[in-house]
Protein backbone atom coordinates (compact mmCIF):
# COMPACT_ATOMS: atom_id res chain seq x y z
CA MET A 1 19.68 18.59 4.46
CA LYS A 2 17.43 19.98 1.67
CA LEU A 3 16.96 16.34 0.43
CA HIS A 4 15.79 15.06 3.93
CA LYS A 5 13.25 18.03 3.88
CA LEU A 6 12.07 17.11 0.35
CA PHE A 7 11.59 13.55 1.22
CA ILE A 8 9.71 14.32 4.54
CA SER A 9 7.56 16.83 2.41
CA ALA A 10 6.98 14.26 -0.27
CA ALA A 11 5.87 11.54 2.52
CA LEU A 12 3.70 14.19 3.96
CA LEU A 13 2.06 14.80 0.61
CA LEU A 14 1.61 11.06 -0.16
CA ALA A 15 0.13 10.51 3.42
CA ALA A 16 -2.31 13.62 2.87
CA CYS A 17 -3.50 12.08 -0.54
CA ALA A 18 -4.15 8.62 0.91
CA ALA A 19 -7.69 8.05 2.10
CA GLN A 20 -8.41 5.47 4.80
CA ALA A 21 -9.08 1.91 3.87
CA GLU A 22 -12.63 0.72 3.47
CA LYS A 23 -13.79 0.89 7.10
CA ALA A 24 -16.77 -1.94 6.36
CA ASP A 25 -13.81 -4.38 5.49
CA SER A 26 -12.95 -4.80 9.31
CA ASN A 27 -16.55 -6.51 9.82
CA LYS A 28 -16.47 -8.89 6.96
CA PRO A 29 -15.54 -12.48 7.09
CA THR A 30 -12.14 -13.63 5.82
CA GLN A 31 -12.33 -16.30 2.89
CA ILE A 32 -9.15 -18.02 2.07
CA ALA A 33 -8.74 -20.22 -1.30
CA PHE A 34 -5.74 -22.53 -1.08
CA ASP A 35 -4.34 -25.90 -2.56
CA GLN A 36 -3.13 -27.16 1.29
CA LEU A 37 -3.49 -26.45 4.67
CA GLU A 38 -1.83 -27.36 7.97
CA ALA A 39 -3.86 -26.18 10.95
CA ASP A 40 -2.82 -26.07 14.75
CA ASP A 41 -6.46 -25.41 16.52
CA VAL A 42 -4.58 -25.27 19.97
CA LYS A 43 -2.02 -22.46 18.81
CA GLN A 44 -4.46 -20.79 16.43
CA ILE A 45 -2.17 -20.94 13.61
CA LYS A 46 -3.21 -21.99 10.09
CA THR A 47 -0.42 -22.43 7.27
CA PHE A 48 -1.98 -22.28 3.79
CA THR A 49 0.10 -23.11 0.67
CA GLY A 50 -0.38 -23.01 -3.09
CA ASN A 51 -1.96 -20.11 -4.69
CA VAL A 52 -3.33 -18.53 -1.62
CA VAL A 53 -6.14 -15.97 -2.10
CA LEU A 54 -7.39 -14.32 1.01
CA THR A 55 -10.48 -12.14 0.56
CA ARG A 56 -12.15 -9.83 3.31
CA GLY A 57 -14.64 -7.29 1.81
CA THR A 58 -12.50 -5.02 -0.81
CA LEU A 59 -9.04 -6.47 0.87
CA LEU A 60 -7.58 -8.93 -1.45
CA MET A 61 -4.29 -10.61 -0.62
CA LYS A 62 -2.61 -13.12 -2.81
CA SER A 63 0.93 -15.24 -2.03
CA PRO A 64 2.24 -18.68 -2.80
CA LYS A 65 2.27 -19.13 1.27
CA ALA A 66 0.16 -17.54 4.05
CA VAL A 67 0.32 -18.22 7.66
CA VAL A 68 -2.82 -16.94 9.66
CA THR A 69 -2.71 -16.45 13.45
CA GLU A 70 -5.67 -15.60 15.47
CA ASP A 71 -5.52 -14.11 18.91
CA PRO A 72 -7.81 -14.90 21.90
CA GLU A 73 -9.81 -11.79 21.12
CA GLY A 74 -10.34 -12.95 17.38
CA TYR A 75 -8.16 -10.89 15.50
CA GLN A 76 -6.02 -12.06 12.76
CA TYR A 77 -2.39 -11.58 12.13
CA VAL A 78 -1.47 -12.77 8.40
CA VAL A 79 2.11 -13.29 7.08
CA LEU A 80 2.22 -13.55 3.41
CA HIS A 81 5.08 -14.99 1.92
CA GLY A 82 6.59 -14.74 -1.69
CA ALA A 83 8.42 -17.34 -3.69
CA PRO A 84 11.19 -17.02 -6.27
CA GLY A 85 9.93 -14.94 -9.12
CA MET A 86 6.69 -14.31 -7.31
CA GLN A 87 6.02 -11.66 -4.69
CA ALA A 88 3.03 -11.49 -2.27
CA THR A 89 0.38 -8.77 -3.15
CA PHE A 90 -2.35 -6.66 -1.38
CA ARG A 91 -5.18 -4.54 -2.61
CA GLN A 92 -7.85 -2.76 -0.74
CA LYS A 93 -10.44 -0.02 -1.45
CA LEU A 94 -10.35 3.37 0.09
CA ASP A 95 -13.36 5.12 1.76
CA GLY A 96 -14.36 8.12 -0.13
CA GLY A 97 -15.92 8.58 -3.68
CA GLY A 98 -14.74 7.10 -6.71
CA GLU A 99 -12.45 4.18 -7.36
CA GLN A 100 -9.66 4.65 -5.24
CA TRP A 101 -7.36 1.84 -4.19
CA MET A 102 -4.37 0.89 -2.30
CA GLU A 103 -2.26 -1.84 -3.51
CA GLY A 104 1.22 -3.27 -2.72
CA GLN A 105 3.65 -5.89 -3.25
CA ALA A 106 6.77 -7.20 -1.50
CA ASP A 107 8.71 -10.40 -0.70
CA ARG A 108 6.76 -10.68 2.47
CA ILE A 109 3.80 -8.81 3.67
CA GLU A 110 2.49 -8.68 7.32
CA TYR A 111 -0.80 -7.63 7.83
CA ASP A 112 -2.40 -6.92 11.66
CA ASN A 113 -6.44 -6.95 11.58
CA LYS A 114 -6.40 -5.54 15.07
CA THR A 115 -4.13 -2.49 14.18
CA GLU A 116 -4.96 -2.28 10.62
CA LEU A 117 -1.05 -1.91 10.10
CA VAL A 118 0.52 -3.48 6.81
CA LYS A 119 4.26 -4.13 6.55
CA LEU A 120 6.13 -4.83 3.43
CA TYR A 121 9.64 -6.31 3.74
CA ALA A 122 12.26 -6.53 0.63
CA LYS A 123 11.51 -4.99 -2.68
CA ALA A 124 8.48 -3.17 -1.62
CA GLN A 125 5.92 -1.00 -3.52
CA VAL A 126 2.93 0.63 -2.40
CA LYS A 127 0.58 2.56 -4.94
CA ARG A 128 -2.32 4.72 -4.46
CA LEU A 129 -4.69 4.29 -7.60
CA ASP A 130 -7.47 6.60 -8.91
CA GLY A 131 -9.33 4.25 -11.01
CA PRO A 132 -6.83 2.82 -13.40
CA LYS A 133 -4.37 5.65 -13.06
CA THR A 134 -1.57 5.80 -10.54
CA ALA A 135 -1.82 8.83 -8.12
CA SER A 136 1.26 8.14 -6.05
CA GLN A 137 3.75 5.36 -5.63
CA VAL A 138 6.57 4.52 -3.28
CA ASP A 139 9.39 1.91 -3.69
CA GLY A 140 11.63 0.91 -0.62
CA GLU A 141 13.09 -2.25 0.79
CA PHE A 142 10.63 -1.73 3.69
CA ILE A 143 7.30 0.39 3.75
CA SER A 144 4.81 0.48 6.71
CA TYR A 145 1.22 1.73 6.27
CA ASP A 146 -0.98 2.31 8.92
CA SER A 147 -4.39 2.75 7.18
CA ARG A 148 -6.22 4.06 10.35
CA LYS A 149 -3.82 6.92 11.09
CA GLU A 150 -3.14 7.12 7.00
CA LEU A 151 0.94 7.12 7.89
CA TYR A 152 3.60 5.75 6.08
CA ALA A 153 7.15 4.81 7.00
CA VAL A 154 9.77 3.78 4.28
CA LYS A 155 13.28 2.45 5.52
CA ASN A 156 16.07 1.23 3.30
CA THR A 157 16.68 -2.26 4.81
CA PRO A 158 14.37 -5.19 4.78
CA SER A 159 14.62 -5.37 8.31
CA GLY A 160 12.62 -2.06 8.79
CA GLU A 161 15.67 -0.17 10.06
CA SER A 162 17.51 2.61 8.01
CA LYS A 163 21.22 2.41 7.54
CA ALA A 164 23.49 4.53 6.22
CA GLY A 165 24.57 3.66 2.62
CA ALA A 166 22.22 0.58 2.67
CA GLY A 167 19.98 1.98 -0.17
CA ARG A 168 17.56 4.55 -1.48
CA SER A 169 13.89 4.59 -1.86
CA THR A 170 11.84 6.58 -4.56
CA MET A 171 8.68 8.17 -4.45
CA MET A 172 6.44 9.27 -7.51
CA ILE A 173 3.59 11.82 -7.14
CA GLN A 174 1.14 12.73 -10.11
CA PRO A 175 -0.03 16.10 -10.40
CA SER A 176 -3.15 16.62 -8.60
CA SER A 177 -6.43 16.80 -10.97
CA LYS A 178 -7.67 19.59 -8.85
CA LEU A 179 -4.97 21.94 -9.61
CA ALA A 180 -6.07 24.61 -12.01
CA VAL A 181 -5.20 23.99 -15.55
CA PRO A 182 -3.86 27.22 -17.19
CA ALA A 183 -6.07 28.74 -20.09
CA PRO A 184 -4.34 28.60 -23.50
CA ALA A 185 -3.16 31.94 -24.79
CA THR A 186 -5.62 33.48 -27.33
CA PRO A 187 -4.43 35.60 -30.04
CA THR A 188 -5.76 39.13 -30.28
CA ASN A 189 -6.62 40.62 -33.27
CA GLN A 190 -5.56 44.01 -32.20
CA PRO A 191 -2.92 45.96 -34.01
CA ALA A 192 0.26 46.31 -32.23
CA PRO A 193 0.74 49.66 -30.38
CA GLY A 194 1.88 52.65 -32.60
CA LYS A 195 0.20 51.45 -35.61
């Protein structure tokens, strides 16, 4: 029970540390670089292969293969597929001051432009960076990150379900730079009592 409470506390702490994804990104055009494309304009499905790089504002996604589906409202749903020895990745600047970024990697990443929800499947990792320094990191078989609500969910199977005995996840949280650093003890030149 204590371990469960500790995990929930750590997850809440990570969520509290996270800032929202750059809001301006949702209004930017999507640019995709690739080697090959197959497009079905009737179904609004585009399959990109070969060193795919998708950029929209500060959002940067990379993978060997990406499938982009557009709904009737114009929202995009992106599925990034890794390959043996190469995971799909994403990186996005966070609103707020400084150089704060979220980045992640997994064998498969799903991104929903309408809900701003990112799901990472199999060997998933998400980091919050403060400049070049990792402020927090979570590793698991499935990670869901809702940038609008600033919520995370970590599950121990790549299907997005938690199953007893299936595996374990880890979280690392750096000490906050806002915590007061104790001043070093200063020696006194006072004689000891009784002298």
